[in-house]
Amino acid sequence: MSLPEPQSPAFDPAMIPGDADGTPDPDVLRRLRWRCRRGLLENDLFVDRFFVAHGERLTNGLVQGLLQLMDLSDNDLLDLLLGRKDPEGDLARPEVVQVLSMMRVPMA
C-alpha cells in the first residue's frame, strides 16, 4: 500500500491584491515558491536562480506571469527556458515574456 503524496498548499492567484506593479506580501511569495517546485531538476535550477536573483523585487504582474508558466508541463517549460520555443497564444503576454527573459541564461 502506498502513501498518498503530500499536497502542496493551494495557491490562488486571486489572493494577489492590487495592481500589476504592486508587490505581493511575503506569505504570497512563500506560497508561490512552493507552487513553483518542479519535477525536472533542470527546471528547478532555473526557478531557484530566478528567486535568488529577483524574489525580493517581484511585482504582482511578474507573479501572474510566473504562475502561467508553472501551469505548463515540465518539458514545455524547459523548452521555453532553453529558448527552443517561444511563447505562443495565451502565453505570449508581456508578463510571461518578461519572466522568461529574467529566467533564461544569456548565451555566451
Protein backbone atom coordinates (compact mmCIF):
# COMPACT_ATOMS: atom_id res chain seq x y z
CA MET A 1 0.00 0.00 0.00
CA SER A 2 1.44 3.35 -0.99
CA LEU A 3 1.02 6.53 0.95
CA PRO A 4 -0.69 9.47 -0.71
CA GLU A 5 1.65 12.19 -1.88
CA PRO A 6 1.60 15.35 0.22
CA GLN A 7 -0.48 18.07 -1.35
CA SER A 8 1.08 21.44 -1.96
CA PRO A 9 -0.69 24.37 -0.37
CA ALA A 10 -3.33 25.76 -2.67
CA PHE A 11 -2.18 28.89 -4.44
CA ASP A 12 -5.00 31.02 -5.66
CA PRO A 13 -3.86 33.83 -7.97
CA ALA A 14 -6.86 35.83 -6.79
CA MET A 15 -5.00 36.17 -3.46
CA ILE A 16 -2.67 38.66 -5.11
CA PRO A 17 -4.18 42.04 -4.28
CA GLY A 18 -3.73 45.30 -6.08
CA ASP A 19 -2.34 46.33 -9.40
CA ALA A 20 0.26 44.59 -11.55
CA ASP A 21 3.05 46.91 -10.38
CA GLY A 22 2.37 46.37 -6.67
CA THR A 23 4.41 43.91 -4.65
CA PRO A 24 2.91 40.74 -3.18
CA ASP A 25 3.22 40.16 0.54
CA PRO A 26 5.78 37.65 1.91
CA ASP A 27 3.13 34.98 2.51
CA VAL A 28 2.09 35.10 -1.16
CA LEU A 29 5.74 34.82 -2.20
CA ARG A 30 6.29 31.84 0.10
CA ARG A 31 3.30 30.03 -1.38
CA LEU A 32 4.39 30.95 -4.88
CA ARG A 33 7.84 29.49 -4.32
CA TRP A 34 6.26 26.24 -3.10
CA ARG A 35 3.94 26.22 -6.14
CA CYS A 36 6.97 26.57 -8.44
CA ARG A 37 8.55 23.29 -7.36
CA ARG A 38 9.00 21.18 -10.48
CA GLY A 39 9.57 17.54 -11.40
CA LEU A 40 12.64 18.18 -13.54
CA LEU A 41 15.85 19.21 -11.83
CA GLU A 42 16.70 21.46 -14.76
CA ASN A 43 13.51 23.49 -14.26
CA ASP A 44 14.12 23.70 -10.52
CA LEU A 45 17.57 25.15 -11.19
CA PHE A 46 16.10 27.90 -13.39
CA VAL A 47 13.34 28.64 -10.86
CA ASP A 48 15.69 28.66 -7.84
CA ARG A 49 18.12 31.00 -9.57
CA PHE A 50 15.19 33.25 -10.54
CA PHE A 51 14.00 33.52 -6.93
CA VAL A 52 17.52 34.19 -5.63
CA ALA A 53 18.06 36.97 -8.17
CA HIS A 54 14.58 38.51 -8.31
CA GLY A 55 12.46 37.16 -5.44
CA GLU A 56 12.68 40.32 -3.37
CA ARG A 57 11.62 42.54 -6.28
CA LEU A 58 8.74 40.59 -7.80
CA THR A 59 5.65 42.53 -8.75
CA ASN A 60 2.12 41.19 -8.93
CA GLY A 61 2.38 41.20 -12.72
CA LEU A 62 5.52 39.07 -12.65
CA VAL A 63 3.85 36.70 -10.20
CA GLN A 64 0.98 36.28 -12.66
CA GLY A 65 3.44 35.58 -15.49
CA LEU A 66 5.30 33.04 -13.38
CA LEU A 67 2.06 31.29 -12.46
CA GLN A 68 1.15 30.97 -16.14
CA LEU A 69 4.50 29.34 -16.80
CA MET A 70 4.07 26.96 -13.87
CA ASP A 71 0.83 25.68 -15.43
CA LEU A 72 2.88 24.17 -18.27
CA SER A 73 4.21 20.62 -18.33
CA ASP A 74 7.83 20.25 -17.29
CA ASN A 75 9.02 19.55 -20.84
CA ASP A 76 7.14 22.52 -22.33
CA LEU A 77 8.54 24.79 -19.61
CA LEU A 78 12.07 23.55 -20.23
CA ASP A 79 11.70 24.20 -23.98
CA LEU A 80 10.73 27.80 -23.22
CA LEU A 81 13.52 28.27 -20.68
CA LEU A 82 16.14 26.92 -23.07
CA GLY A 83 14.83 29.06 -25.92
CA ARG A 84 13.86 26.07 -28.04
CA LYS A 85 10.39 27.57 -28.30
CA ASP A 86 8.84 30.99 -27.84
CA PRO A 87 5.57 31.65 -26.02
CA GLU A 88 2.53 31.42 -28.26
CA GLY A 89 -1.18 32.10 -27.88
CA ASP A 90 -2.24 32.85 -24.31
CA LEU A 91 1.38 32.62 -23.15
CA ALA A 92 2.52 35.45 -25.43
CA ARG A 93 1.65 38.01 -22.76
CA PRO A 94 4.06 40.74 -21.66
CA GLU A 95 4.38 39.47 -18.10
CA VAL A 96 5.16 35.91 -19.28
CA VAL A 97 7.74 37.15 -21.79
CA GLN A 98 9.34 39.32 -19.11
CA VAL A 99 9.58 36.44 -16.62
CA LEU A 100 11.07 34.19 -19.30
CA SER A 101 13.68 36.80 -20.17
CA MET A 102 14.59 37.05 -16.48
CA MET A 103 14.82 33.25 -16.10
CA ARG A 104 16.79 32.45 -19.26
CA VAL A 105 20.55 32.19 -19.18
CA PRO A 106 22.24 34.62 -21.54
CA MET A 107 24.10 32.88 -24.34
CA ALA A 108 27.88 33.29 -24.11
